[in-house]
Amino acid sequence: MKSNKTYPFFFLCMMLGLLVLSACAKSGEKQKQKEAKAAAQNFPQQTDSVYVVKYASTEPEFKEHISLLKLFYRERGYKFAWFKDGALVPQAFKFMEVINQAHEEGLNPRDYMVKDLPAMFKKLEQTPNDSSRHALQKEIDVSLTASYFNYASDFYKGTVNPRSMDNIEWEVKRNKIKLHKALQTILKERESRYPYYEFEALHPGYIKLREALKQYRLAKQEGGWPRIDAPKTLKPGDSSQAVVALRQRVLGKQAVGKAGANQYDPELADAVKNFQIRHGLKPDGVVGGETLKKLNVSVEDRIDQIIINMERWRWVPKRFEDKYVLVNIPEYGMHVMEKGKEVLSMKVVVGKEMHATPVFSDKLEYIVFYPYWNITPQILEEEIAPAQAKNPNYLASNDMELVKDIGNDKVEIIPTNSVDWYSVDKDFKYRVRQRPGKKNPLGFVKFIFPNEHNVYLHDTPSDHLFNQATRGFSHGCIRIEKPFEFAQYLLKDQKQWTPSTIKAAMHGGQEKYVNLSAKVPVYIVYFTAWVDDNGAVHFRDDIYKHDQDLANAYFG
């Protein structure tokens, strides 16, 4: 009974004590803030150009960003960026969290710990409000800014500069992000349409791959997936121990504990077909050849593939136009986009490995109906000229002609027997063209975005090639599956071009040029891993070995 009576009094005393301690702590914190603010008034809260350059020059990782550091501090009159009223702003601590989580971006956190900033923060708390504190503040401020540029350069622009390496194929329009402006946004000193203030990525395609990276790393932590050693092709209805491994591979470990796990049943067949779709294979449910090869790609290799494709997203412009065309070479696919939504898609045929389609961007300007095929100098020298030299009737039998440009878009026909075809080279003064018609490999329409590669989009008489899973058959140009629909889309704002007038022009018997009312950006890119709108992760073969070259640079 006695203890029951004294308990409320004891509890009350304890609560009062906690309140007093809390009040004292808050009072102490407020006193610290007051003293820091007073000290900030006594010491100028700024650095200077000499200090910035000297400090950044001490570390190679900072030195490469000296121009950015000078620009950033010069624009703010050299005022501290990461302090307010003598205290670190919350963004400084948020930035530390971002660096610690850099592995989620496929980056190495250690690369951005050039200075031990947490230790510097702790030292700052223990330093009195005098000149030594001001000196430490100055060091911390410049170190934070340099560290941000070091990290943000990799995160927003890429750790590999594709234009500085001859073996990295990427001539797409540059990512022109201004990192000093991004930092101003983070510090809430300016507004921006981009989520810099959240230290966030700019493209949904990148963010989806980042989520996929988490999934595949989790799969690795759980032991990855089993290798399937199938003595023969596996197909629905089969029964074997290899089917158990197949079931675990595509349905997960939980799927092998049930009865009949060694039976290739309809559920497993559907899962295999889905796997085949995600890997660009014919979805027939038969496991052998390419399907088996891709099933046995290790989780570690898929993780690396995801990471280097995240890197490619850092190379694209920070914002796509409202309307653009994207051709993904390894996917053998083309996507027409408006305001972030796909409005038209189709299969494409790209260049074979020895005639690789280049990775670049430009603007589509005009359409040519019922086109001539103007043979490129390389094809003329390597293929057409030798064939004509062996067979004087080769050009005529292939509906080709030798012409000389005489100005005003006019040509003169040159007799083929007036040329020594064995001596034709890249400086040949004439050109060869194939007349429009059914034999013409451009089909009945081509779409031109003038570029140094002589690459464009065009129709093809070889429609059967679109039924192939892998479609690397061209000399570098891109054959499209739905040329009529694409022409309709491009000309939809030009009222005189109706479906019937477009068809008439495609088969009109005469070459016709049509300028677009507005140029349309075209991006020819190379992504071997991406995530679709349903969250499914897709992988494709590295058909030109660009992944291999990038992996050597990125991980090397």
Protein backbone atom coordinates (compact mmCIF):
# COMPACT_ATOMS: atom_id res chain seq x y z
CA MET A 1 0.00 0.00 0.00
CA LYS A 2 2.86 2.37 0.84
CA SER A 3 4.56 1.98 -2.51
CA ASN A 4 1.31 2.63 -4.34
CA LYS A 5 0.93 5.95 -2.54
CA THR A 6 4.48 7.21 -3.21
CA TYR A 7 4.64 6.16 -6.94
CA PRO A 8 2.70 9.17 -8.29
CA PHE A 9 4.99 11.55 -6.39
CA PHE A 10 8.12 9.78 -7.72
CA PHE A 11 6.78 9.81 -11.29
CA LEU A 12 5.96 13.52 -11.01
CA CYS A 13 9.48 14.29 -9.79
CA MET A 14 11.00 12.29 -12.64
CA MET A 15 8.88 14.08 -15.23
CA LEU A 16 9.77 17.48 -13.76
CA GLY A 17 13.45 16.52 -13.90
CA LEU A 18 13.18 15.54 -17.56
CA LEU A 19 11.42 18.79 -18.38
CA VAL A 20 14.15 20.74 -16.63
CA LEU A 21 16.87 18.84 -18.50
CA SER A 22 15.06 19.35 -21.82
CA ALA A 23 14.65 23.05 -21.11
CA CYS A 24 18.32 23.31 -20.20
CA ALA A 25 19.32 21.50 -23.40
CA LYS A 26 17.15 23.79 -25.51
CA SER A 27 18.48 26.77 -23.66
CA GLY A 28 22.03 25.58 -24.26
CA GLU A 29 21.33 25.06 -27.95
CA LYS A 30 19.77 28.48 -28.25
CA GLN A 31 22.76 29.97 -26.47
CA LYS A 32 25.09 28.23 -28.94
CA GLN A 33 23.04 29.56 -31.86
CA LYS A 34 23.10 33.03 -30.36
CA GLU A 35 26.86 32.90 -29.89
CA ALA A 36 27.37 31.55 -33.45
CA LYS A 37 25.22 34.33 -34.85
CA ALA A 38 27.15 36.94 -32.86
CA ALA A 39 30.44 35.47 -34.05
CA ALA A 40 29.18 35.54 -37.63
CA GLN A 41 28.63 39.27 -37.22
CA ASN A 42 32.15 39.70 -35.95
CA PHE A 43 33.80 37.70 -38.72
CA PRO A 44 32.94 38.18 -42.45
CA GLN A 45 30.93 35.16 -43.65
CA GLN A 46 32.80 34.85 -46.90
CA THR A 47 35.90 33.52 -48.58
CA ASP A 48 37.96 34.92 -51.48
CA SER A 49 39.20 33.82 -54.89
CA VAL A 50 42.78 33.21 -53.73
CA TYR A 51 41.64 30.86 -50.96
CA VAL A 52 39.20 29.01 -53.25
CA VAL A 53 41.82 28.33 -55.91
CA LYS A 54 44.55 27.45 -53.41
CA TYR A 55 42.31 25.09 -51.44
CA ALA A 56 40.91 23.33 -54.53
CA SER A 57 44.40 22.88 -55.97
CA THR A 58 45.39 20.64 -53.07
CA GLU A 59 43.16 17.79 -54.27
CA PRO A 60 43.04 16.41 -57.85
CA GLU A 61 39.30 15.68 -57.53
CA PHE A 62 38.65 19.33 -56.62
CA LYS A 63 41.17 20.84 -58.99
CA GLU A 64 39.27 19.73 -62.09
CA HIS A 65 36.30 21.83 -60.89
CA ILE A 66 38.21 25.06 -60.16
CA SER A 67 36.44 26.97 -62.94
CA LEU A 68 33.05 26.01 -61.48
CA LEU A 69 34.15 26.92 -57.97
CA LYS A 70 35.37 30.34 -59.09
CA LEU A 71 32.16 30.98 -61.05
CA PHE A 72 29.92 29.88 -58.17
CA TYR A 73 31.64 32.01 -55.53
CA ARG A 74 32.15 34.99 -57.81
CA GLU A 75 28.42 35.14 -58.55
CA ARG A 76 27.64 35.24 -54.82
CA GLY A 77 30.30 37.78 -53.94
CA TYR A 78 32.27 34.99 -52.22
CA LYS A 79 29.69 34.70 -49.43
CA PHE A 80 29.52 31.37 -47.62
CA ALA A 81 27.04 29.00 -49.27
CA TRP A 82 26.52 26.34 -46.61
CA PHE A 83 26.19 28.52 -43.50
CA LYS A 84 23.39 30.72 -42.24
CA ASP A 85 23.82 32.84 -39.13
CA GLY A 86 27.06 31.00 -38.45
CA ALA A 87 25.49 27.52 -38.48
CA LEU A 88 25.50 24.83 -41.15
CA VAL A 89 22.33 24.73 -43.24
CA PRO A 90 20.29 21.47 -43.34
CA GLN A 91 21.35 20.86 -46.95
CA ALA A 92 24.90 20.14 -45.74
CA PHE A 93 23.70 17.15 -43.74
CA LYS A 94 21.38 16.04 -46.53
CA PHE A 95 24.35 16.07 -48.91
CA MET A 96 26.23 13.75 -46.55
CA GLU A 97 23.33 11.31 -46.74
CA VAL A 98 23.38 11.53 -50.55
CA ILE A 99 27.09 10.70 -50.69
CA ASN A 100 26.65 7.77 -48.29
CA GLN A 101 23.95 6.38 -50.60
CA ALA A 102 25.91 6.91 -53.83
CA HIS A 103 26.15 3.14 -54.32
CA GLU A 104 22.42 3.19 -55.13
CA GLU A 105 23.33 5.27 -58.19
CA GLY A 106 25.99 2.78 -59.27
CA LEU A 107 28.65 5.15 -57.89
CA ASN A 108 31.27 4.61 -55.19
CA PRO A 109 30.74 6.75 -52.03
CA ARG A 110 34.48 6.72 -51.32
CA ASP A 111 35.10 8.71 -54.52
CA TYR A 112 33.29 11.68 -52.97
CA MET A 113 34.83 11.53 -49.49
CA VAL A 114 37.88 13.50 -50.54
CA LYS A 115 37.65 15.33 -47.22
CA ASP A 116 36.27 13.86 -44.00
CA LEU A 117 33.36 16.27 -43.81
CA PRO A 118 31.54 14.58 -40.88
CA ALA A 119 34.72 14.93 -38.79
CA MET A 120 34.97 18.57 -39.82
CA PHE A 121 31.34 19.12 -38.78
CA LYS A 122 32.05 17.57 -35.37
CA LYS A 123 35.16 19.68 -34.94
CA LEU A 124 33.10 22.76 -35.76
CA GLU A 125 30.74 21.98 -32.86
CA GLN A 126 33.70 21.89 -30.48
CA THR A 127 35.44 25.01 -31.77
CA PRO A 128 34.87 28.29 -29.87
CA ASN A 129 33.36 31.25 -31.66
CA ASP A 130 36.60 32.94 -32.55
CA SER A 131 38.90 33.31 -35.54
CA SER A 132 39.73 29.59 -35.53
CA ARG A 133 36.04 28.79 -35.99
CA HIS A 134 35.81 31.24 -38.87
CA ALA A 135 38.81 29.60 -40.56
CA LEU A 136 37.20 26.19 -40.16
CA GLN A 137 33.91 27.51 -41.54
CA LYS A 138 35.72 28.78 -44.61
CA GLU A 139 37.38 25.41 -45.17
CA ILE A 140 34.13 23.52 -44.69
CA ASP A 141 32.23 25.81 -47.05
CA VAL A 142 34.68 25.46 -49.94
CA SER A 143 35.12 21.75 -49.26
CA LEU A 144 31.35 21.18 -49.37
CA THR A 145 31.04 23.11 -52.62
CA ALA A 146 33.96 21.29 -54.23
CA SER A 147 32.61 17.95 -53.00
CA TYR A 148 29.21 18.76 -54.48
CA PHE A 149 30.70 19.56 -57.88
CA ASN A 150 32.78 16.39 -57.69
CA TYR A 151 29.68 14.29 -56.97
CA ALA A 152 27.17 16.16 -59.14
CA SER A 153 29.47 16.07 -62.16
CA ASP A 154 29.42 12.27 -62.04
CA PHE A 155 25.75 12.01 -61.07
CA TYR A 156 24.36 14.46 -63.63
CA LYS A 157 26.93 14.33 -66.45
CA GLY A 158 28.53 10.90 -66.06
CA THR A 159 31.76 9.52 -64.71
CA VAL A 160 32.90 8.80 -68.29
CA ASN A 161 33.06 11.60 -70.87
CA PRO A 162 32.07 9.88 -74.15
CA ARG A 163 33.58 12.67 -76.23
CA SER A 164 37.01 12.32 -74.68
CA MET A 165 37.35 8.63 -75.56
CA ASP A 166 37.69 7.41 -79.13
CA ASN A 167 36.26 3.97 -78.43
CA ILE A 168 33.07 5.25 -76.72
CA GLU A 169 30.41 5.74 -79.41
CA TRP A 170 28.07 8.58 -78.43
CA GLU A 171 27.49 11.79 -80.42
CA VAL A 172 24.06 12.60 -79.03
CA LYS A 173 23.35 16.24 -78.18
CA ARG A 174 25.28 17.26 -75.09
CA ASN A 175 23.94 17.41 -71.56
CA LYS A 176 24.42 21.13 -70.83
CA ILE A 177 23.47 21.15 -67.16
CA LYS A 178 24.95 24.09 -65.22
CA LEU A 179 26.09 22.62 -61.93
CA HIS A 180 26.63 25.95 -60.19
CA LYS A 181 22.98 26.80 -60.91
CA ALA A 182 21.93 23.39 -59.63
CA LEU A 183 23.74 24.10 -56.35
CA GLN A 184 21.99 27.45 -56.07
CA THR A 185 18.71 25.57 -56.39
CA ILE A 186 19.71 23.13 -53.66
CA LEU A 187 20.53 26.06 -51.38
CA LYS A 188 17.09 27.57 -52.15
CA GLU A 189 18.64 30.62 -53.77
CA ARG A 190 16.82 30.15 -57.07
CA GLU A 191 13.84 28.29 -58.53
CA SER A 192 14.15 25.52 -61.12
CA ARG A 193 11.90 23.13 -63.01
CA TYR A 194 14.43 20.37 -62.24
CA PRO A 195 14.54 18.48 -58.90
CA TYR A 196 18.08 19.51 -57.99
CA TYR A 197 16.94 20.55 -54.52
CA GLU A 198 16.14 16.88 -53.85
CA PHE A 199 19.53 15.75 -55.23
CA GLU A 200 17.37 13.75 -57.64
CA ALA A 201 17.93 12.39 -61.15
CA LEU A 202 16.35 14.10 -64.15
CA HIS A 203 14.98 11.24 -66.27
CA PRO A 204 12.32 8.62 -65.47
CA GLY A 205 14.31 6.08 -67.50
CA TYR A 206 17.25 6.48 -65.14
CA ILE A 207 15.08 6.32 -62.01
CA LYS A 208 13.45 3.09 -63.19
CA LEU A 209 16.85 1.51 -63.81
CA ARG A 210 17.93 2.58 -60.34
CA GLU A 211 15.01 0.64 -58.86
CA ALA A 212 15.94 -2.34 -61.02
CA LEU A 213 19.49 -2.12 -59.67
CA LYS A 214 18.12 -2.55 -56.14
CA GLN A 215 16.15 -5.63 -57.22
CA TYR A 216 19.12 -7.30 -58.88
CA ARG A 217 21.46 -6.51 -56.01
CA LEU A 218 18.92 -8.07 -53.65
CA ALA A 219 18.85 -11.15 -55.89
CA LYS A 220 22.63 -11.28 -55.66
CA GLN A 221 22.53 -11.08 -51.85
CA GLU A 222 20.10 -14.00 -51.86
CA GLY A 223 22.51 -16.12 -53.87
CA GLY A 224 21.64 -15.16 -57.42
CA TRP A 225 19.99 -17.74 -59.64
CA PRO A 226 20.90 -21.31 -60.62
CA ARG A 227 22.69 -22.24 -63.82
CA ILE A 228 20.54 -24.37 -66.10
CA ASP A 229 22.42 -27.33 -67.50
CA ALA A 230 19.96 -28.73 -69.99
CA PRO A 231 21.20 -31.74 -72.00
CA LYS A 232 18.57 -30.99 -74.63
CA THR A 233 16.07 -28.33 -75.58
CA LEU A 234 13.38 -27.89 -72.93
CA LYS A 235 9.81 -27.33 -74.04
CA PRO A 236 6.32 -27.47 -72.50
CA GLY A 237 5.44 -31.01 -71.43
CA ASP A 238 9.02 -32.04 -70.61
CA SER A 239 10.00 -33.47 -67.25
CA SER A 240 13.55 -33.35 -65.89
CA GLN A 241 15.78 -32.00 -63.14
CA ALA A 242 16.75 -29.15 -65.48
CA VAL A 243 13.14 -28.02 -65.37
CA VAL A 244 13.46 -27.54 -61.60
CA ALA A 245 16.40 -25.17 -62.16
CA LEU A 246 14.44 -23.41 -64.92
CA ARG A 247 11.46 -22.99 -62.60
CA GLN A 248 13.63 -21.43 -59.89
CA ARG A 249 15.29 -19.17 -62.46
CA VAL A 250 12.11 -17.60 -63.85
CA LEU A 251 9.60 -18.08 -61.00
CA GLY A 252 11.82 -17.86 -57.90
CA LYS A 253 12.91 -20.24 -55.15
CA GLN A 254 9.41 -20.45 -53.71
CA ALA A 255 8.18 -22.13 -56.92
CA VAL A 256 10.34 -25.26 -56.60
CA GLY A 257 8.97 -26.58 -53.30
CA LYS A 258 5.62 -27.65 -54.68
CA ALA A 259 4.71 -31.00 -56.18
CA GLY A 260 5.47 -31.40 -59.85
CA ALA A 261 8.32 -28.87 -59.83
CA ASN A 262 10.10 -30.93 -62.47
CA GLN A 263 7.17 -30.63 -64.89
CA TYR A 264 7.30 -28.01 -67.65
CA ASP A 265 3.70 -26.88 -67.13
CA PRO A 266 1.70 -23.94 -68.62
CA GLU A 267 2.59 -21.62 -65.73
CA LEU A 268 6.28 -22.16 -66.38
CA ALA A 269 5.78 -21.78 -70.14
CA ASP A 270 4.13 -18.39 -69.63
CA ALA A 271 7.02 -17.27 -67.41
CA VAL A 272 9.58 -18.38 -70.02
CA LYS A 273 7.71 -16.54 -72.78
CA ASN A 274 7.69 -13.40 -70.66
CA PHE A 275 11.44 -13.82 -70.14
CA GLN A 276 11.92 -14.18 -73.88
CA ILE A 277 9.94 -11.00 -74.58
CA ARG A 278 12.02 -9.05 -72.06
CA HIS A 279 15.20 -10.25 -73.79
CA GLY A 280 14.11 -9.59 -77.38
CA LEU A 281 13.60 -13.25 -78.29
CA LYS A 282 10.81 -15.07 -80.07
CA PRO A 283 8.31 -15.96 -77.30
CA ASP A 284 7.82 -19.64 -78.12
CA GLY A 285 8.47 -21.08 -74.65
CA VAL A 286 11.26 -23.30 -75.97
CA VAL A 287 14.45 -23.21 -73.89
CA GLY A 288 17.59 -23.75 -75.92
CA GLY A 289 20.07 -21.72 -77.97
CA GLU A 290 19.79 -18.00 -77.28
CA THR A 291 17.12 -18.41 -74.60
CA LEU A 292 19.31 -20.79 -72.59
CA LYS A 293 22.32 -18.54 -73.11
CA LYS A 294 20.48 -15.52 -71.69
CA LEU A 295 18.99 -17.51 -68.80
CA ASN A 296 22.55 -18.34 -67.76
CA VAL A 297 23.85 -14.77 -67.78
CA SER A 298 24.91 -14.15 -64.17
CA VAL A 299 23.22 -11.67 -61.86
CA GLU A 300 26.58 -9.88 -61.51
CA ASP A 301 26.73 -9.29 -65.26
CA ARG A 302 23.15 -7.97 -65.31
CA ILE A 303 23.99 -5.58 -62.45
CA ASP A 304 26.93 -4.21 -64.41
CA GLN A 305 24.74 -3.88 -67.50
CA ILE A 306 22.16 -1.88 -65.56
CA ILE A 307 24.83 0.42 -64.13
CA ILE A 308 26.43 1.30 -67.46
CA ASN A 309 23.03 2.03 -68.98
CA MET A 310 22.31 4.34 -66.03
CA GLU A 311 25.56 6.04 -67.00
CA ARG A 312 24.27 6.59 -70.56
CA TRP A 313 21.20 8.35 -69.18
CA ARG A 314 23.57 10.91 -67.65
CA TRP A 315 24.81 11.75 -71.14
CA VAL A 316 21.46 12.72 -72.66
CA PRO A 317 20.16 16.31 -72.53
CA LYS A 318 18.62 17.25 -69.20
CA ARG A 319 15.28 17.70 -70.96
CA PHE A 320 13.84 16.24 -74.15
CA GLU A 321 11.76 18.36 -76.50
CA ASP A 322 7.96 18.18 -76.43
CA LYS A 323 8.09 16.13 -79.64
CA TYR A 324 10.94 13.85 -80.68
CA VAL A 325 11.84 10.52 -82.27
CA LEU A 326 14.00 8.00 -80.41
CA VAL A 327 15.62 5.02 -82.11
CA ASN A 328 17.20 2.49 -79.73
CA ILE A 329 19.65 0.44 -81.78
CA PRO A 330 19.95 -2.72 -79.59
CA GLU A 331 16.16 -2.81 -79.21
CA TYR A 332 15.65 -2.58 -82.98
CA GLY A 333 12.86 -0.19 -82.13
CA MET A 334 11.68 3.36 -82.81
CA HIS A 335 9.48 5.46 -80.51
CA VAL A 336 7.74 8.73 -81.38
CA MET A 337 7.23 10.78 -78.23
CA GLU A 338 5.02 13.76 -77.39
CA LYS A 339 5.20 15.41 -73.97
CA GLY A 340 6.70 12.28 -72.44
CA LYS A 341 4.10 9.92 -73.93
CA GLU A 342 4.62 7.43 -76.73
CA VAL A 343 2.28 8.14 -79.66
CA LEU A 344 3.76 5.76 -82.25
CA SER A 345 6.21 2.87 -82.16
CA MET A 346 7.58 0.40 -84.66
CA LYS A 347 10.29 -2.13 -85.40
CA VAL A 348 13.41 -1.05 -87.26
CA VAL A 349 16.32 -2.63 -89.11
CA VAL A 350 19.73 -1.18 -88.22
CA GLY A 351 23.26 -1.57 -89.53
CA LYS A 352 25.07 -4.88 -89.41
CA GLU A 353 28.14 -4.90 -87.15
CA MET A 354 30.59 -4.03 -89.94
CA HIS A 355 28.30 -1.13 -90.98
CA ALA A 356 27.19 -0.06 -87.50
CA THR A 357 24.50 2.59 -87.26
CA PRO A 358 26.11 5.57 -85.50
CA VAL A 359 24.89 6.90 -82.15
CA PHE A 360 24.02 10.59 -82.60
CA SER A 361 21.19 13.12 -82.73
CA ASP A 362 19.95 15.64 -85.28
CA LYS A 363 16.71 17.19 -86.55
CA LEU A 364 14.39 15.70 -89.13
CA GLU A 365 13.78 18.38 -91.79
CA TYR A 366 12.09 16.90 -94.85
CA ILE A 367 10.55 13.85 -96.49
CA VAL A 368 11.37 12.48 -99.93
CA PHE A 369 8.63 10.51 -101.65
CA TYR A 370 9.46 8.00 -104.41
CA PRO A 371 13.18 8.55 -103.78
CA TYR A 372 16.33 7.79 -105.69
CA TRP A 373 18.94 5.88 -103.72
CA ASN A 374 22.16 7.86 -103.88
CA ILE A 375 24.93 5.34 -103.26
CA THR A 376 27.32 6.53 -100.54
CA PRO A 377 31.01 6.91 -101.54
CA GLN A 378 31.98 4.02 -99.25
CA ILE A 379 29.44 1.58 -100.70
CA LEU A 380 30.30 2.75 -104.21
CA GLU A 381 34.03 2.15 -103.67
CA GLU A 382 33.71 -1.13 -101.76
CA GLU A 383 30.76 -2.83 -103.48
CA ILE A 384 29.26 -1.18 -106.56
CA ALA A 385 32.44 -0.26 -108.45
CA PRO A 386 34.03 -3.76 -108.13
CA ALA A 387 30.75 -5.35 -109.26
CA GLN A 388 30.52 -3.02 -112.30
CA ALA A 389 34.18 -3.66 -113.14
CA LYS A 390 33.50 -7.42 -113.29
CA ASN A 391 30.15 -7.08 -115.04
CA PRO A 392 29.72 -4.03 -117.36
CA ASN A 393 25.96 -4.61 -117.24
CA TYR A 394 25.73 -4.51 -113.40
CA LEU A 395 24.37 -0.94 -113.08
CA ALA A 396 21.82 -1.34 -115.85
CA SER A 397 20.55 -4.67 -114.51
CA ASN A 398 20.04 -3.10 -111.06
CA ASP A 399 18.25 -0.02 -112.39
CA MET A 400 21.22 2.21 -111.51
CA GLU A 401 22.76 5.12 -113.39
CA LEU A 402 25.97 7.13 -113.32
CA VAL A 403 25.35 10.87 -112.99
CA LYS A 404 27.17 14.18 -112.72
CA ASP A 405 25.69 17.11 -110.77
CA ILE A 406 25.41 20.21 -112.98
CA GLY A 407 23.64 22.60 -110.56
CA ASN A 408 20.05 23.64 -109.79
CA ASP A 409 19.31 20.07 -108.69
CA LYS A 410 19.93 18.82 -112.22
CA VAL A 411 22.17 15.97 -113.32
CA GLU A 412 23.82 14.74 -116.48
CA ILE A 413 23.74 11.03 -117.27
CA ILE A 414 27.27 9.71 -117.84
CA PRO A 415 27.92 6.60 -119.99
CA THR A 416 29.13 3.78 -117.75
CA ASN A 417 31.76 2.68 -120.26
CA SER A 418 33.52 6.07 -119.95
CA VAL A 419 34.82 5.24 -116.47
CA ASP A 420 37.66 3.03 -115.26
CA TRP A 421 35.73 1.24 -112.51
CA TYR A 422 38.89 -0.30 -111.07
CA SER A 423 40.15 3.18 -110.11
CA VAL A 424 37.04 4.42 -108.29
CA ASP A 425 37.82 5.81 -104.81
CA LYS A 426 36.32 8.20 -102.26
CA ASP A 427 37.23 11.19 -104.46
CA PHE A 428 35.30 9.87 -107.46
CA LYS A 429 33.86 12.88 -109.35
CA TYR A 430 30.58 11.19 -110.31
CA ARG A 431 27.95 9.44 -108.27
CA VAL A 432 25.77 6.40 -108.76
CA ARG A 433 22.10 6.37 -107.95
CA GLN A 434 19.37 3.76 -108.19
CA ARG A 435 16.11 4.83 -109.79
CA PRO A 436 12.92 4.83 -107.68
CA GLY A 437 10.72 1.77 -107.80
CA LYS A 438 10.24 -1.71 -106.45
CA LYS A 439 13.94 -2.62 -106.67
CA ASN A 440 14.99 0.46 -104.70
CA PRO A 441 16.12 -0.51 -101.15
CA LEU A 442 14.72 2.79 -99.81
CA GLY A 443 11.20 1.73 -100.69
CA PHE A 444 8.82 4.57 -101.48
CA VAL A 445 9.75 7.20 -98.90
CA LYS A 446 12.73 8.39 -96.88
CA PHE A 447 12.95 10.78 -93.94
CA ILE A 448 15.96 13.10 -93.89
CA PHE A 449 17.84 14.70 -91.01
CA PRO A 450 21.01 15.95 -92.79
CA ASN A 451 24.13 14.61 -91.05
CA GLU A 452 27.73 13.76 -91.74
CA HIS A 453 27.03 10.03 -91.47
CA ASN A 454 24.62 9.92 -94.46
CA VAL A 455 22.16 8.10 -92.20
CA TYR A 456 18.39 8.50 -92.46
CA LEU A 457 15.11 6.65 -91.89
CA HIS A 458 13.43 4.95 -94.83
CA ASP A 459 10.93 2.45 -96.15
CA THR A 460 12.09 -0.95 -97.40
CA PRO A 461 10.82 -3.57 -99.88
CA SER A 462 12.18 -6.28 -97.56
CA ASP A 463 9.28 -6.30 -95.09
CA HIS A 464 9.96 -9.90 -94.13
CA LEU A 465 13.05 -8.80 -92.16
CA PHE A 466 10.81 -7.24 -89.49
CA ASN A 467 9.76 -10.77 -88.52
CA GLN A 468 13.32 -11.51 -87.36
CA ALA A 469 14.12 -11.13 -83.65
CA THR A 470 17.52 -9.57 -84.39
CA ARG A 471 17.53 -7.07 -87.21
CA GLY A 472 21.04 -5.90 -88.08
CA PHE A 473 20.97 -6.05 -91.87
CA SER A 474 21.53 -2.56 -93.29
CA HIS A 475 24.57 -0.53 -94.33
CA GLY A 476 23.92 1.87 -91.44
CA CYS A 477 20.67 3.57 -92.39
CA ILE A 478 17.50 2.71 -90.47
CA ARG A 479 14.64 0.89 -92.19
CA ILE A 480 11.30 1.46 -90.48
CA GLU A 481 8.32 -0.86 -90.25
CA LYS A 482 5.52 1.72 -90.67
CA PRO A 483 6.69 4.41 -93.12
CA PHE A 484 3.17 5.45 -94.18
CA GLU A 485 2.02 5.94 -90.58
CA PHE A 486 5.20 7.87 -89.78
CA ALA A 487 4.70 10.16 -92.79
CA GLN A 488 1.12 10.75 -91.67
CA TYR A 489 2.31 11.71 -88.21
CA LEU A 490 4.98 14.12 -89.46
CA LEU A 491 2.60 15.82 -91.90
CA LYS A 492 -0.49 15.93 -89.69
CA ASP A 493 -0.24 19.73 -89.25
CA GLN A 494 0.14 20.35 -92.98
CA LYS A 495 -3.49 20.18 -94.10
CA GLN A 496 -2.78 19.49 -97.77
CA TRP A 497 -1.24 16.15 -96.80
CA THR A 498 -4.02 13.65 -96.28
CA PRO A 499 -3.67 9.85 -96.23
CA SER A 500 -4.65 9.72 -99.90
CA THR A 501 -2.19 12.43 -101.02
CA ILE A 502 0.61 10.74 -99.05
CA LYS A 503 -0.10 7.39 -100.73
CA ALA A 504 -0.25 9.09 -104.12
CA ALA A 505 3.15 10.73 -103.52
CA MET A 506 4.70 7.45 -102.38
CA HIS A 507 3.69 5.80 -105.65
CA GLY A 508 3.58 8.84 -107.90
CA GLY A 509 6.37 7.86 -110.27
CA GLN A 510 8.41 11.00 -109.58
CA GLU A 511 10.73 11.99 -106.73
CA LYS A 512 9.14 14.68 -104.52
CA TYR A 513 10.66 16.66 -101.62
CA VAL A 514 8.40 17.94 -98.82
CA ASN A 515 9.72 20.22 -96.06
CA LEU A 516 8.24 19.74 -92.59
CA SER A 517 6.48 22.73 -91.04
CA ALA A 518 8.68 22.23 -87.95
CA LYS A 519 11.89 20.25 -87.49
CA VAL A 520 11.61 17.16 -85.30
CA PRO A 521 14.57 16.08 -83.11
CA VAL A 522 15.83 12.55 -83.74
CA TYR A 523 17.88 10.68 -81.13
CA ILE A 524 19.65 7.51 -82.22
CA VAL A 525 20.78 5.92 -78.96
CA TYR A 526 22.23 2.72 -77.57
CA PHE A 527 20.54 1.29 -74.46
CA THR A 528 20.89 -2.42 -73.75
CA ALA A 529 18.87 -2.29 -70.53
CA TRP A 530 15.71 -0.37 -69.67
CA VAL A 531 12.47 -0.69 -67.69
CA ASP A 532 9.10 -0.47 -69.44
CA ASP A 533 5.97 1.30 -68.21
CA ASN A 534 4.82 -1.90 -66.47
CA GLY A 535 8.02 -2.16 -64.46
CA ALA A 536 9.49 -5.06 -66.45
CA VAL A 537 13.27 -4.97 -66.90
CA HIS A 538 14.46 -5.53 -70.48
CA PHE A 539 17.92 -6.57 -71.65
CA ARG A 540 19.37 -6.73 -75.16
CA ASP A 541 22.59 -7.96 -76.74
CA ASP A 542 25.57 -5.64 -77.02
CA ILE A 543 25.47 -5.89 -80.83
CA TYR A 544 28.26 -3.36 -81.49
CA LYS A 545 30.34 -4.08 -78.34
CA HIS A 546 29.63 -0.55 -77.04
CA ASP A 547 28.73 -1.97 -73.60
CA GLN A 548 32.05 -3.73 -73.47
CA ASP A 549 33.99 -0.53 -74.22
CA LEU A 550 31.98 1.51 -71.73
CA ALA A 551 32.33 -1.12 -68.98
CA ASN A 552 36.10 -1.07 -69.42
CA ALA A 553 36.13 2.70 -68.94
CA TYR A 554 33.52 2.82 -66.16
CA PHE A 555 34.70 -0.05 -63.97
CA GLY A 556 38.35 0.02 -65.00
